[in-house]
Each structure stands twice: as structure tokens, then as C-alpha cells.
Amino acid sequence: GGGGSNYPLRNLAVQLLALAILALHRARVFGFIASAPRALL
């Protein structure tokens, strides 16, 4: 992820991995929504 917009496929690989982690940790995401400070959310 250190190449910026000139390397879209590499950035896409990082983003797809992030989406997979979001899908696998849905409970933690909902926990963040429920407990995070309102200003931050």
C-alpha cells in the first residue's frame, strides 16, 4: 500500500483483504458501533 494511486491493483488487494476481515469480524464491527464515542462514530 505504499505506492499511492499509481498502483491500483496493489491497493485493491489490500482493500479486498480488509473487506474479508470485516466480513469475518462482524461482531467486532457491531461492537464498535455500539460502544464507540458518538463524536468518533
Full PDB file with SEQRES, HELIX, SHEET, SSBOND, CRYST1, ORIGX, SCALE, CONECT and MASTER records, all heavy atoms in Angstrom:
SEQRES   1 A   41  GLY GLY GLY GLY SER ASN TYR PRO LEU ARG ASN LEU ALA          
SEQRES   2 A   41  VAL GLN LEU LEU ALA LEU ALA ILE LEU ALA LEU HIS ARG          
SEQRES   3 A   41  ALA ARG VAL PHE GLY PHE ILE ALA SER ALA PRO ARG ALA          
SEQRES   4 A   41  LEU LEU                                                      
HELIX    1 AA1 GLY A    4  ASN A    6  5                                   3    
HELIX    2 AA2 PRO A    8  LEU A   24  1                                  17    
HELIX    3 AA3 ARG A   26  SER A   35  1                                  10    
CRYST1    1.000    1.000    1.000  90.00  90.00  90.00 P 1           1          
ORIGX1      1.000000  0.000000  0.000000        0.00000                         
ORIGX2      0.000000  1.000000  0.000000        0.00000                         
ORIGX3      0.000000  0.000000  1.000000        0.00000                         
SCALE1      1.000000  0.000000  0.000000        0.00000                         
SCALE2      0.000000  1.000000  0.000000        0.00000                         
SCALE3      0.000000  0.000000  1.000000        0.00000                         
ATOM      1  N   GLY A   1       0.772  -1.244   0.000  1.00  0.00           N  
ATOM      2  CA  GLY A   1       0.000   0.000   0.000  1.00  0.00           C  
ATOM      3  C   GLY A   1       0.793   1.278   0.000  1.00  0.00           C  
ATOM      4  O   GLY A   1       0.228   2.355   0.227  1.00  0.00           O  
ATOM      5  N   GLY A   2       2.099   1.217  -0.281  1.00  0.00           N  
ATOM      6  CA  GLY A   2       2.912   2.427  -0.212  1.00  0.00           C  
ATOM      7  C   GLY A   2       3.150   3.112  -1.536  1.00  0.00           C  
ATOM      8  O   GLY A   2       3.933   4.059  -1.609  1.00  0.00           O  
ATOM      9  N   GLY A   3       2.471   2.678  -2.574  1.00  0.00           N  
ATOM     10  CA  GLY A   3       2.725   3.250  -3.892  1.00  0.00           C  
ATOM     11  C   GLY A   3       1.737   4.307  -4.337  1.00  0.00           C  
ATOM     12  O   GLY A   3       1.918   4.941  -5.373  1.00  0.00           O  
ATOM     13  N   GLY A   4       0.652   4.497  -3.564  1.00  0.00           N  
ATOM     14  CA  GLY A   4      -0.332   5.502  -3.937  1.00  0.00           C  
ATOM     15  C   GLY A   4      -1.193   5.079  -5.106  1.00  0.00           C  
ATOM     16  O   GLY A   4      -1.286   3.889  -5.453  1.00  0.00           O  
ATOM     17  N   SER A   5      -1.800   6.058  -5.756  1.00  0.00           N  
ATOM     18  CA  SER A   5      -2.776   5.792  -6.811  1.00  0.00           C  
ATOM     19  C   SER A   5      -2.151   5.233  -8.085  1.00  0.00           C  
ATOM     20  O   SER A   5      -2.869   4.768  -8.975  1.00  0.00           O  
ATOM     21  CB  SER A   5      -3.542   7.077  -7.147  1.00  0.00           C  
ATOM     22  OG  SER A   5      -2.641   8.100  -7.573  1.00  0.00           O  
ATOM     23  N   ASN A   6      -0.825   5.262  -8.187  1.00  0.00           N  
ATOM     24  CA  ASN A   6      -0.173   4.719  -9.385  1.00  0.00           C  
ATOM     25  C   ASN A   6      -0.163   3.195  -9.409  1.00  0.00           C  
ATOM     26  O   ASN A   6       0.218   2.599 -10.417  1.00  0.00           O  
ATOM     27  CB  ASN A   6       1.269   5.226  -9.471  1.00  0.00           C  
ATOM     28  CG  ASN A   6       1.350   6.700  -9.794  1.00  0.00           C  
ATOM     29  OD1 ASN A   6       0.446   7.256 -10.429  1.00  0.00           O  
ATOM     30  ND2 ASN A   6       2.403   7.354  -9.360  1.00  0.00           N  
ATOM     31  N   TYR A   7      -0.578   2.570  -8.306  1.00  0.00           N  
ATOM     32  CA  TYR A   7      -0.565   1.109  -8.213  1.00  0.00           C  
ATOM     33  C   TYR A   7      -1.931   0.614  -7.742  1.00  0.00           C  
ATOM     34  O   TYR A   7      -2.080   0.125  -6.621  1.00  0.00           O  
ATOM     35  CB  TYR A   7       0.548   0.653  -7.272  1.00  0.00           C  
ATOM     36  CG  TYR A   7       1.917   1.093  -7.741  1.00  0.00           C  
ATOM     37  CD1 TYR A   7       2.437   2.333  -7.373  1.00  0.00           C  
ATOM     38  CD2 TYR A   7       2.658   0.298  -8.589  1.00  0.00           C  
ATOM     39  CE1 TYR A   7       3.679   2.744  -7.831  1.00  0.00           C  
ATOM     40  CE2 TYR A   7       3.908   0.695  -9.052  1.00  0.00           C  
ATOM     41  CZ  TYR A   7       4.404   1.932  -8.673  1.00  0.00           C  
ATOM     42  OH  TYR A   7       5.633   2.341  -9.128  1.00  0.00           O  
ATOM     43  N   PRO A   8      -2.947   0.767  -8.588  1.00  0.00           N  
ATOM     44  CA  PRO A   8      -4.318   0.452  -8.171  1.00  0.00           C  
ATOM     45  C   PRO A   8      -4.546  -1.011  -7.815  1.00  0.00           C  
ATOM     46  O   PRO A   8      -5.314  -1.317  -6.908  1.00  0.00           O  
ATOM     47  CB  PRO A   8      -5.163   0.881  -9.375  1.00  0.00           C  
ATOM     48  CG  PRO A   8      -4.222   0.839 -10.544  1.00  0.00           C  
ATOM     49  CD  PRO A   8      -2.897   1.239  -9.989  1.00  0.00           C  
ATOM     50  N   LEU A   9      -3.907  -1.937  -8.536  1.00  0.00           N  
ATOM     51  CA  LEU A   9      -4.138  -3.351  -8.257  1.00  0.00           C  
ATOM     52  C   LEU A   9      -3.604  -3.742  -6.892  1.00  0.00           C  
ATOM     53  O   LEU A   9      -4.205  -4.554  -6.177  1.00  0.00           O  
ATOM     54  CB  LEU A   9      -3.499  -4.209  -9.351  1.00  0.00           C  
ATOM     55  CG  LEU A   9      -4.141  -4.099 -10.743  1.00  0.00           C  
ATOM     56  CD1 LEU A   9      -3.437  -5.006 -11.737  1.00  0.00           C  
ATOM     57  CD2 LEU A   9      -5.625  -4.435 -10.675  1.00  0.00           C  
ATOM     58  N   ARG A  10      -2.478  -3.188  -6.501  1.00  0.00           N  
ATOM     59  CA  ARG A  10      -1.935  -3.470  -5.167  1.00  0.00           C  
ATOM     60  C   ARG A  10      -2.850  -2.898  -4.086  1.00  0.00           C  
ATOM     61  O   ARG A  10      -3.108  -3.545  -3.069  1.00  0.00           O  
ATOM     62  CB  ARG A  10      -0.528  -2.896  -5.039  1.00  0.00           C  
ATOM     63  CG  ARG A  10       0.444  -3.436  -6.089  1.00  0.00           C  
ATOM     64  CD  ARG A  10       1.866  -3.007  -5.787  1.00  0.00           C  
ATOM     65  NE  ARG A  10       2.751  -3.282  -6.916  1.00  0.00           N  
ATOM     66  CZ  ARG A  10       4.076  -3.179  -6.867  1.00  0.00           C  
ATOM     67  NH1 ARG A  10       4.672  -2.818  -5.737  1.00  0.00           N  
ATOM     68  NH2 ARG A  10       4.810  -3.436  -7.932  1.00  0.00           N  
ATOM     69  N   ASN A  11      -3.330  -1.689  -4.322  1.00  0.00           N  
ATOM     70  CA  ASN A  11      -4.271  -1.099  -3.368  1.00  0.00           C  
ATOM     71  C   ASN A  11      -5.543  -1.935  -3.279  1.00  0.00           C  
ATOM     72  O   ASN A  11      -6.106  -2.124  -2.188  1.00  0.00           O  
ATOM     73  CB  ASN A  11      -4.613   0.334  -3.782  1.00  0.00           C  
ATOM     74  CG  ASN A  11      -3.431   1.280  -3.629  1.00  0.00           C  
ATOM     75  OD1 ASN A  11      -2.541   1.041  -2.814  1.00  0.00           O  
ATOM     76  ND2 ASN A  11      -3.420   2.336  -4.403  1.00  0.00           N  
ATOM     77  N   LEU A  12      -5.993  -2.426  -4.418  1.00  0.00           N  
ATOM     78  CA  LEU A  12      -7.201  -3.245  -4.440  1.00  0.00           C  
ATOM     79  C   LEU A  12      -7.006  -4.515  -3.621  1.00  0.00           C  
ATOM     80  O   LEU A  12      -7.917  -4.954  -2.904  1.00  0.00           O  
ATOM     81  CB  LEU A  12      -7.568  -3.597  -5.883  1.00  0.00           C  
ATOM     82  CG  LEU A  12      -8.798  -4.495  -6.068  1.00  0.00           C  
ATOM     83  CD1 LEU A  12     -10.050  -3.823  -5.521  1.00  0.00           C  
ATOM     84  CD2 LEU A  12      -8.977  -4.846  -7.552  1.00  0.00           C  
ATOM     85  N   ALA A  13      -5.828  -5.114  -3.700  1.00  0.00           N  
ATOM     86  CA  ALA A  13      -5.559  -6.328  -2.928  1.00  0.00           C  
ATOM     87  C   ALA A  13      -5.670  -6.048  -1.427  1.00  0.00           C  
ATOM     88  O   ALA A  13      -6.244  -6.851  -0.671  1.00  0.00           O  
ATOM     89  CB  ALA A  13      -4.169  -6.864  -3.263  1.00  0.00           C  
ATOM     90  N   VAL A  14      -5.148  -4.908  -0.990  1.00  0.00           N  
ATOM     91  CA  VAL A  14      -5.241  -4.533   0.429  1.00  0.00           C  
ATOM     92  C   VAL A  14      -6.696  -4.313   0.823  1.00  0.00           C  
ATOM     93  O   VAL A  14      -7.148  -4.755   1.889  1.00  0.00           O  
ATOM     94  CB  VAL A  14      -4.403  -3.271   0.706  1.00  0.00           C  
ATOM     95  CG1 VAL A  14      -4.496  -2.882   2.179  1.00  0.00           C  
ATOM     96  CG2 VAL A  14      -2.948  -3.491   0.318  1.00  0.00           C  
ATOM     97  N   GLN A  15      -7.447  -3.656  -0.046  1.00  0.00           N  
ATOM     98  CA  GLN A  15      -8.839  -3.350   0.261  1.00  0.00           C  
ATOM     99  C   GLN A  15      -9.698  -4.606   0.297  1.00  0.00           C  
ATOM    100  O   GLN A  15     -10.596  -4.729   1.138  1.00  0.00           O  
ATOM    101  CB  GLN A  15      -9.371  -2.341  -0.763  1.00  0.00           C  
ATOM    102  CG  GLN A  15      -8.714  -0.982  -0.667  1.00  0.00           C  
ATOM    103  CD  GLN A  15      -8.856  -0.151  -1.931  1.00  0.00           C  
ATOM    104  OE1 GLN A  15      -9.689  -0.448  -2.793  1.00  0.00           O  
ATOM    105  NE2 GLN A  15      -8.040   0.880  -2.057  1.00  0.00           N  
ATOM    106  N   LEU A  16      -9.450  -5.541  -0.599  1.00  0.00           N  
ATOM    107  CA  LEU A  16     -10.217  -6.795  -0.591  1.00  0.00           C  
ATOM    108  C   LEU A  16      -9.936  -7.594   0.674  1.00  0.00           C  
ATOM    109  O   LEU A  16     -10.840  -8.209   1.250  1.00  0.00           O  
ATOM    110  CB  LEU A  16      -9.866  -7.622  -1.833  1.00  0.00           C  
ATOM    111  CG  LEU A  16     -10.375  -7.071  -3.174  1.00  0.00           C  
ATOM    112  CD1 LEU A  16      -9.885  -7.942  -4.326  1.00  0.00           C  
ATOM    113  CD2 LEU A  16     -11.899  -6.991  -3.182  1.00  0.00           C  
ATOM    114  N   LEU A  17      -8.679  -7.586   1.118  1.00  0.00           N  
ATOM    115  CA  LEU A  17      -8.349  -8.255   2.376  1.00  0.00           C  
ATOM    116  C   LEU A  17      -9.073  -7.582   3.540  1.00  0.00           C  
ATOM    117  O   LEU A  17      -9.583  -8.265   4.435  1.00  0.00           O  
ATOM    118  CB  LEU A  17      -6.837  -8.232   2.597  1.00  0.00           C  
ATOM    119  CG  LEU A  17      -6.339  -8.863   3.905  1.00  0.00           C  
ATOM    120  CD1 LEU A  17      -6.764 -10.325   4.011  1.00  0.00           C  
ATOM    121  CD2 LEU A  17      -4.816  -8.736   4.002  1.00  0.00           C  
ATOM    122  N   ALA A  18      -9.142  -6.256   3.522  1.00  0.00           N  
ATOM    123  CA  ALA A  18      -9.854  -5.528   4.578  1.00  0.00           C  
ATOM    124  C   ALA A  18     -11.342  -5.886   4.585  1.00  0.00           C  
ATOM    125  O   ALA A  18     -11.939  -6.080   5.652  1.00  0.00           O  
ATOM    126  CB  ALA A  18      -9.674  -4.026   4.385  1.00  0.00           C  
ATOM    127  N   LEU A  19     -11.938  -5.999   3.402  1.00  0.00           N  
ATOM    128  CA  LEU A  19     -13.351  -6.382   3.326  1.00  0.00           C  
ATOM    129  C   LEU A  19     -13.564  -7.787   3.878  1.00  0.00           C  
ATOM    130  O   LEU A  19     -14.569  -8.052   4.567  1.00  0.00           O  
ATOM    131  CB  LEU A  19     -13.831  -6.299   1.883  1.00  0.00           C  
ATOM    132  CG  LEU A  19     -14.018  -4.891   1.304  1.00  0.00           C  
ATOM    133  CD1 LEU A  19     -14.338  -4.959  -0.186  1.00  0.00           C  
ATOM    134  CD2 LEU A  19     -15.139  -4.159   2.049  1.00  0.00           C  
ATOM    135  N   ALA A  20     -12.633  -8.697   3.577  1.00  0.00           N  
ATOM    136  CA  ALA A  20     -12.745 -10.056   4.108  1.00  0.00           C  
ATOM    137  C   ALA A  20     -12.664 -10.055   5.630  1.00  0.00           C  
ATOM    138  O   ALA A  20     -13.411 -10.781   6.309  1.00  0.00           O  
ATOM    139  CB  ALA A  20     -11.642 -10.929   3.513  1.00  0.00           C  
ATOM    140  N   ILE A  21     -11.787  -9.240   6.186  1.00  0.00           N  
ATOM    141  CA  ILE A  21     -11.664  -9.156   7.649  1.00  0.00           C  
ATOM    142  C   ILE A  21     -12.930  -8.563   8.250  1.00  0.00           C  
ATOM    143  O   ILE A  21     -13.400  -9.019   9.304  1.00  0.00           O  
ATOM    144  CB  ILE A  21     -10.427  -8.314   8.013  1.00  0.00           C  
ATOM    145  CG1 ILE A  21      -9.165  -9.080   7.614  1.00  0.00           C  
ATOM    146  CG2 ILE A  21     -10.404  -7.990   9.502  1.00  0.00           C  
ATOM    147  CD1 ILE A  21      -7.884  -8.297   7.807  1.00  0.00           C  
ATOM    148  N   LEU A  22     -13.503  -7.566   7.590  1.00  0.00           N  
ATOM    149  CA  LEU A  22     -14.775  -7.010   8.066  1.00  0.00           C  
ATOM    150  C   LEU A  22     -15.861  -8.073   8.101  1.00  0.00           C  
ATOM    151  O   LEU A  22     -16.642  -8.151   9.050  1.00  0.00           O  
ATOM    152  CB  LEU A  22     -15.205  -5.844   7.170  1.00  0.00           C  
ATOM    153  CG  LEU A  22     -14.570  -4.480   7.413  1.00  0.00           C  
ATOM    154  CD1 LEU A  22     -15.068  -3.486   6.376  1.00  0.00           C  
ATOM    155  CD2 LEU A  22     -14.880  -3.965   8.812  1.00  0.00           C  
ATOM    156  N   ALA A  23     -15.914  -8.890   7.053  1.00  0.00           N  
ATOM    157  CA  ALA A  23     -16.939  -9.933   6.983  1.00  0.00           C  
ATOM    158  C   ALA A  23     -16.734 -10.989   8.069  1.00  0.00           C  
ATOM    159  O   ALA A  23     -17.702 -11.496   8.640  1.00  0.00           O  
ATOM    160  CB  ALA A  23     -16.922 -10.583   5.599  1.00  0.00           C  
ATOM    161  N   LEU A  24     -15.475 -11.301   8.376  1.00  0.00           N  
ATOM    162  CA  LEU A  24     -15.182 -12.329   9.370  1.00  0.00           C  
ATOM    163  C   LEU A  24     -15.349 -11.827  10.808  1.00  0.00           C  
ATOM    164  O   LEU A  24     -15.504 -12.637  11.726  1.00  0.00           O  
ATOM    165  CB  LEU A  24     -13.752 -12.855   9.171  1.00  0.00           C  
ATOM    166  CG  LEU A  24     -13.501 -13.664   7.896  1.00  0.00           C  
ATOM    167  CD1 LEU A  24     -12.019 -13.972   7.749  1.00  0.00           C  
ATOM    168  CD2 LEU A  24     -14.317 -14.954   7.912  1.00  0.00           C  
ATOM    169  N   HIS A  25     -15.308 -10.531  10.981  1.00  0.00           N  
ATOM    170  CA  HIS A  25     -15.381  -9.966  12.336  1.00  0.00           C  
ATOM    171  C   HIS A  25     -16.568  -9.008  12.453  1.00  0.00           C  
ATOM    172  O   HIS A  25     -16.441  -7.906  12.987  1.00  0.00           O  
ATOM    173  CB  HIS A  25     -14.077  -9.243  12.670  1.00  0.00           C  
ATOM    174  CG  HIS A  25     -12.878 -10.144  12.729  1.00  0.00           C  
ATOM    175  ND1 HIS A  25     -12.569 -10.905  13.835  1.00  0.00           N  
ATOM    176  CD2 HIS A  25     -11.922 -10.425  11.797  1.00  0.00           C  
ATOM    177  CE1 HIS A  25     -11.460 -11.605  13.605  1.00  0.00           C  
ATOM    178  NE2 HIS A  25     -11.061 -11.338  12.377  1.00  0.00           N  
ATOM    179  N   ARG A  26     -17.705  -9.454  11.957  1.00  0.00           N  
ATOM    180  CA  ARG A  26     -18.903  -8.608  12.003  1.00  0.00           C  
ATOM    181  C   ARG A  26     -19.261  -8.227  13.431  1.00  0.00           C  
ATOM    182  O   ARG A  26     -19.715  -7.116  13.701  1.00  0.00           O  
ATOM    183  CB  ARG A  26     -20.078  -9.324  11.340  1.00  0.00           C  
ATOM    184  CG  ARG A  26     -19.901  -9.592   9.856  1.00  0.00           C  
ATOM    185  CD  ARG A  26     -21.171 -10.163   9.253  1.00  0.00           C  
ATOM    186  NE  ARG A  26     -21.534 -11.433   9.893  1.00  0.00           N  
ATOM    187  CZ  ARG A  26     -21.069 -12.614   9.536  1.00  0.00           C  
ATOM    188  NH1 ARG A  26     -20.181 -12.699   8.556  1.00  0.00           N  
ATOM    189  NH2 ARG A  26     -21.469 -13.720  10.142  1.00  0.00           N  
ATOM    190  N   ALA A  27     -19.079  -9.169  14.363  1.00  0.00           N  
ATOM    191  CA  ALA A  27     -19.438  -8.896  15.756  1.00  0.00           C  
ATOM    192  C   ALA A  27     -18.618  -7.738  16.325  1.00  0.00           C  
ATOM    193  O   ALA A  27     -19.143  -6.901  17.063  1.00  0.00           O  
ATOM    194  CB  ALA A  27     -19.242 -10.154  16.606  1.00  0.00           C  
ATOM    195  N   ARG A  28     -17.337  -7.698  15.993  1.00  0.00           N  
ATOM    196  CA  ARG A  28     -16.490  -6.607  16.476  1.00  0.00           C  
ATOM    197  C   ARG A  28     -16.912  -5.275  15.861  1.00  0.00           C  
ATOM    198  O   ARG A  28     -16.864  -4.232  16.519  1.00  0.00           O  
ATOM    199  CB  ARG A  28     -15.019  -6.891  16.145  1.00  0.00           C  
ATOM    200  CG  ARG A  28     -14.414  -8.029  16.961  1.00  0.00           C  
ATOM    201  CD  ARG A  28     -12.904  -8.106  16.751  1.00  0.00           C  
ATOM    202  NE  ARG A  28     -12.307  -9.163  17.535  1.00  0.00           N  
ATOM    203  CZ  ARG A  28     -11.951  -9.055  18.813  1.00  0.00           C  
ATOM    204  NH1 ARG A  28     -12.137  -7.899  19.440  1.00  0.00           N  
ATOM    205  NH2 ARG A  28     -11.399 -10.068  19.454  1.00  0.00           N  
ATOM    206  N   VAL A  29     -17.318  -5.300  14.590  1.00  0.00           N  
ATOM    207  CA  VAL A  29     -17.771  -4.066  13.935  1.00  0.00           C  
ATOM    208  C   VAL A  29     -19.027  -3.543  14.625  1.00  0.00           C  
ATOM    209  O   VAL A  29     -19.130  -2.339  14.928  1.00  0.00           O  
ATOM    210  CB  VAL A  29     -18.036  -4.314  12.441  1.00  0.00           C  
ATOM    211  CG1 VAL A  29     -18.619  -3.056  11.794  1.00  0.00           C  
ATOM    212  CG2 VAL A  29     -16.753  -4.738  11.737  1.00  0.00           C  
ATOM    213  N   PHE A  30     -19.982  -4.435  14.901  1.00  0.00           N  
ATOM    214  CA  PHE A  30     -21.197  -4.005  15.593  1.00  0.00           C  
ATOM    215  C   PHE A  30     -20.883  -3.555  17.015  1.00  0.00           C  
ATOM    216  O   PHE A  30     -21.529  -2.637  17.545  1.00  0.00           O  
ATOM    217  CB  PHE A  30     -22.223  -5.141  15.600  1.00  0.00           C  
ATOM    218  CG  PHE A  30     -22.811  -5.425  14.253  1.00  0.00           C  
ATOM    219  CD1 PHE A  30     -22.793  -6.706  13.715  1.00  0.00           C  
ATOM    220  CD2 PHE A  30     -23.384  -4.412  13.505  1.00  0.00           C  
ATOM    221  CE1 PHE A  30     -23.330  -6.968  12.469  1.00  0.00           C  
ATOM    222  CE2 PHE A  30     -23.935  -4.660  12.259  1.00  0.00           C  
ATOM    223  CZ  PHE A  30     -23.904  -5.943  11.738  1.00  0.00           C  
ATOM    224  N   GLY A  31     -19.887  -4.189  17.634  1.00  0.00           N  
ATOM    225  CA  GLY A  31     -19.462  -3.756  18.959  1.00  0.00           C  
ATOM    226  C   GLY A  31     -18.890  -2.360  18.942  1.00  0.00           C  
ATOM    227  O   GLY A  31     -19.131  -1.557  19.850  1.00  0.00           O  
ATOM    228  N   PHE A  32     -18.123  -2.049  17.886  1.00  0.00           N  
ATOM    229  CA  PHE A  32     -17.587  -0.695  17.744  1.00  0.00           C  
ATOM    230  C   PHE A  32     -18.715   0.321  17.572  1.00  0.00           C  
ATOM    231  O   PHE A  32     -18.701   1.393  18.187  1.00  0.00           O  
ATOM    232  CB  PHE A  32     -16.641  -0.648  16.544  1.00  0.00           C  
ATOM    233  CG  PHE A  32     -16.233   0.743  16.131  1.00  0.00           C  
ATOM    234  CD1 PHE A  32     -15.344   1.468  16.896  1.00  0.00           C  
ATOM    235  CD2 PHE A  32     -16.752   1.313  14.969  1.00  0.00           C  
ATOM    236  CE1 PHE A  32     -14.962   2.751  16.516  1.00  0.00           C  
ATOM    237  CE2 PHE A  32     -16.378   2.586  14.587  1.00  0.00           C  
ATOM    238  CZ  PHE A  32     -15.489   3.306  15.362  1.00  0.00           C  
ATOM    239  N   ILE A  33     -19.694  -0.016  16.744  1.00  0.00           N  
ATOM    240  CA  ILE A  33     -20.816   0.900  16.518  1.00  0.00           C  
ATOM    241  C   ILE A  33     -21.585   1.151  17.811  1.00  0.00           C  
ATOM    242  O   ILE A  33     -22.022   2.270  18.092  1.00  0.00           O  
ATOM    243  CB  ILE A  33     -21.753   0.327  15.429  1.00  0.00           C  
ATOM    244  CG1 ILE A  33     -21.019   0.258  14.084  1.00  0.00           C  
ATOM    245  CG2 ILE A  33     -23.025   1.153  15.310  1.00  0.00           C  
ATOM    246  CD1 ILE A  33     -21.803  -0.436  12.996  1.00  0.00           C  
ATOM    247  N   ALA A  34     -21.699   0.108  18.625  1.00  0.00           N  
ATOM    248  CA  ALA A  34     -22.476   0.242  19.860  1.00  0.00           C  
ATOM    249  C   ALA A  34     -21.720   0.975  20.956  1.00  0.00           C  
ATOM    250  O   ALA A  34     -22.335   1.702  21.754  1.00  0.00           O  
ATOM    251  CB  ALA A  34     -22.880  -1.145  20.361  1.00  0.00           C  
ATOM    252  N   SER A  35     -20.389   0.819  21.012  1.00  0.00           N  
ATOM    253  CA  SER A  35     -19.648   1.342  22.161  1.00  0.00           C  
ATOM    254  C   SER A  35     -18.757   2.542  21.857  1.00  0.00           C  
ATOM    255  O   SER A  35     -18.271   3.190  22.783  1.00  0.00           O  
ATOM    256  CB  SER A  35     -18.774   0.229  22.752  1.00  0.00           C  
ATOM    257  OG  SER A  35     -17.822  -0.229  21.788  1.00  0.00           O  
ATOM    258  N   ALA A  36     -18.533   2.839  20.600  1.00  0.00           N  
ATOM    259  CA  ALA A  36     -17.630   3.943  20.262  1.00  0.00           C  
ATOM    260  C   ALA A  36     -18.221   5.273  20.689  1.00  0.00           C  
ATOM    261  O   ALA A  36     -19.446   5.442  20.734  1.00  0.00           O  
ATOM    262  CB  ALA A  36     -17.366   3.952  18.760  1.00  0.00           C  
ATOM    263  N   PRO A  37     -17.389   6.239  21.054  1.00  0.00           N  
ATOM    264  CA  PRO A  37     -17.892   7.578  21.354  1.00  0.00           C  
ATOM    265  C   PRO A  37     -18.671   8.125  20.165  1.00  0.00           C  
ATOM    266  O   PRO A  37     -18.262   7.931  19.015  1.00  0.00           O  
ATOM    267  CB  PRO A  37     -16.639   8.400  21.617  1.00  0.00           C  
ATOM    268  CG  PRO A  37     -15.495   7.492  21.522  1.00  0.00           C  
ATOM    269  CD  PRO A  37     -15.949   6.135  21.111  1.00  0.00           C  
ATOM    270  N   ARG A  38     -19.764   8.790  20.444  1.00  0.00           N  
ATOM    271  CA  ARG A  38     -20.628   9.265  19.355  1.00  0.00           C  
ATOM    272  C   ARG A  38     -19.893  10.215  18.410  1.00  0.00           C  
ATOM    273  O   ARG A  38     -20.106  10.182  17.189  1.00  0.00           O  
ATOM    274  CB  ARG A  38     -21.858   9.969  19.935  1.00  0.00           C  
ATOM    275  CG  ARG A  38     -22.769   9.065  20.765  1.00  0.00           C  
ATOM    276  CD  ARG A  38     -23.298   7.887  19.957  1.00  0.00           C  
ATOM    277  NE  ARG A  38     -22.471   6.675  20.127  1.00  0.00           N  
ATOM    278  CZ  ARG A  38     -22.722   5.532  19.529  1.00  0.00           C  
ATOM    279  NH1 ARG A  38     -23.745   5.437  18.685  1.00  0.00           N  
ATOM    280  NH2 ARG A  38     -21.947   4.487  19.722  1.00  0.00           N  
ATOM    281  N   ALA A  39     -19.022  11.070  18.971  1.00  0.00           N  
ATOM    282  CA  ALA A  39     -18.304  12.010  18.106  1.00  0.00           C  
ATOM    283  C   ALA A  39     -17.426  11.272  17.114  1.00  0.00           C  
ATOM    284  O   ALA A  39     -17.389  11.603  15.927  1.00  0.00           O  
ATOM    285  CB  ALA A  39     -17.469  12.964  18.954  1.00  0.00           C  
ATOM    286  N   LEU A  40     -16.713  10.255  17.590  1.00  0.00           N  
ATOM    287  CA  LEU A  40     -15.858   9.471  16.698  1.00  0.00           C  
ATOM    288  C   LEU A  40     -16.687   8.741  15.663  1.00  0.00           C  
ATOM    289  O   LEU A  40     -16.334   8.705  14.475  1.00  0.00           O  
ATOM    290  CB  LEU A  40     -15.037   8.481  17.523  1.00  0.00           C  
ATOM    291  CG  LEU A  40     -14.193   7.492  16.709  1.00  0.00           C  
ATOM    292  CD1 LEU A  40     -13.160   8.222  15.861  1.00  0.00           C  
ATOM    293  CD2 LEU A  40     -13.517   6.481  17.622  1.00  0.00           C  
ATOM    294  N   LEU A  41     -17.791   8.149  16.088  1.00  0.00           N  
ATOM    295  CA  LEU A  41     -18.635   7.395  15.163  1.00  0.00           C  
ATOM    296  C   LEU A  41     -19.180   8.299  14.063  1.00  0.00           C  
ATOM    297  O   LEU A  41     -19.184   7.933  12.879  1.00  0.00           O  
ATOM    298  CB  LEU A  41     -19.781   6.728  15.931  1.00  0.00           C  
ATOM    299  CG  LEU A  41     -20.596   5.693  15.155  1.00  0.00           C  
ATOM    300  CD1 LEU A  41     -19.714   4.562  14.663  1.00  0.00           C  
ATOM    301  CD2 LEU A  41     -21.721   5.157  16.023  1.00  0.00           C  
TER     302      LEU A  41                                                      
MASTER        0    0    0    3    0    0    0    6  301    1    0    4          
END                                                                             
